[in-house]
Amino acid sequence: PGYRRGALRPRRAAGSYRPSYEEMLRFYSYYKQATAGRCQGPRPGFWDPIGRYKWDAWHSLGRMSKEEAMAAYVAEMKKVAQKVAR
């Protein structure tokens, strides 16, 4: 339930909070692991640096289960919520 709410309805924080690139990559990797499973495609080429960063983040999760990825996504969302609440 928490994963689905966070993944399907991302909320824009009031104010000027902007997640770091590292946070965005973590969210991306957990989302992909939870929805598509293990990263199995080839690594994007040199001319696609954003694709490479995303692939690296997702690939780094290895054999993490769908459930673990969902839990990690929710935990990451809670960390961001604490930052925004400050």
Protein backbone atom coordinates (compact mmCIF):
# COMPACT_ATOMS: atom_id res chain seq x y z
CA PRO A 1 0.00 0.00 0.00
CA GLY A 2 2.70 2.56 0.92
CA TYR A 3 4.74 1.77 -2.17
CA ARG A 4 1.78 2.06 -4.50
CA ARG A 5 0.69 5.40 -3.04
CA GLY A 6 4.19 6.84 -3.29
CA ALA A 7 4.99 5.45 -6.71
CA LEU A 8 1.71 6.23 -8.41
CA ARG A 9 1.05 9.67 -6.94
CA PRO A 10 4.31 11.51 -6.43
CA ARG A 11 3.67 14.77 -4.65
CA ARG A 12 5.45 18.01 -5.30
CA ALA A 13 6.74 19.39 -2.03
CA ALA A 14 5.68 22.89 -1.09
CA GLY A 15 8.66 25.19 -1.23
CA SER A 16 11.90 24.71 -3.08
CA TYR A 17 12.94 21.17 -2.20
CA ARG A 18 14.63 19.42 -5.10
CA PRO A 19 15.85 15.84 -4.69
CA SER A 20 19.50 15.23 -5.41
CA TYR A 21 20.53 13.25 -8.46
CA GLU A 22 21.52 10.41 -6.13
CA GLU A 23 18.05 10.38 -4.56
CA MET A 24 16.40 10.40 -7.98
CA LEU A 25 18.59 7.49 -9.10
CA ARG A 26 17.71 5.51 -5.96
CA PHE A 27 13.98 6.07 -6.58
CA TYR A 28 14.41 5.06 -10.22
CA SER A 29 16.35 1.92 -9.38
CA TYR A 30 13.91 0.76 -6.68
CA TYR A 31 10.94 1.47 -8.96
CA LYS A 32 12.46 -0.48 -11.86
CA GLN A 33 13.45 -3.39 -9.60
CA ALA A 34 9.93 -3.52 -8.15
CA THR A 35 8.14 -3.29 -11.49
CA ALA A 36 10.48 -4.96 -13.99
CA GLY A 37 12.70 -7.15 -11.83
CA ARG A 38 16.43 -7.57 -12.15
CA CYS A 39 18.31 -5.37 -14.62
CA GLN A 40 19.25 -7.66 -17.50
CA GLY A 41 19.67 -5.49 -20.58
CA PRO A 42 22.99 -4.25 -21.92
CA ARG A 43 24.55 -1.13 -20.45
CA PRO A 44 23.83 1.96 -22.58
CA GLY A 45 26.69 3.30 -24.64
CA PHE A 46 29.07 6.18 -24.08
CA TRP A 47 26.80 8.70 -25.83
CA ASP A 48 23.95 8.05 -23.36
CA PRO A 49 25.37 9.14 -19.99
CA ILE A 50 21.96 9.50 -18.31
CA GLY A 51 20.98 6.02 -19.46
CA ARG A 52 24.28 4.71 -18.08
CA TYR A 53 23.69 6.33 -14.67
CA LYS A 54 20.19 4.88 -14.52
CA TRP A 55 21.38 1.45 -15.64
CA ASP A 56 24.23 1.48 -13.10
CA ALA A 57 21.85 2.39 -10.26
CA TRP A 58 19.36 -0.33 -11.22
CA HIS A 59 22.03 -2.95 -11.94
CA SER A 60 23.63 -2.30 -8.53
CA LEU A 61 20.54 -3.78 -6.84
CA GLY A 62 21.44 -7.22 -8.17
CA ARG A 63 18.96 -9.88 -7.09
CA MET A 64 16.99 -7.67 -4.67
CA SER A 65 13.42 -8.99 -4.54
CA LYS A 66 10.38 -7.03 -5.66
CA GLU A 67 9.22 -6.77 -2.05
CA GLU A 68 12.62 -5.54 -0.84
CA ALA A 69 12.66 -2.92 -3.61
CA MET A 70 9.19 -1.71 -2.62
CA ALA A 71 10.22 -1.48 1.03
CA ALA A 72 13.40 0.40 0.08
CA TYR A 73 11.35 2.81 -2.05
CA VAL A 74 9.03 3.56 0.87
CA ALA A 75 11.99 3.97 3.26
CA GLU A 76 13.61 6.41 0.82
CA MET A 77 10.33 8.32 0.51
CA LYS A 78 10.16 8.62 4.30
CA LYS A 79 13.69 10.07 4.37
CA VAL A 80 12.70 12.67 1.80
CA ALA A 81 9.51 13.48 3.71
CA GLN A 82 11.58 14.14 6.83
CA LYS A 83 13.83 16.52 4.88
CA VAL A 84 10.83 18.38 3.48
CA ALA A 85 9.17 18.62 6.91
CA ARG A 86 12.16 20.48 8.34
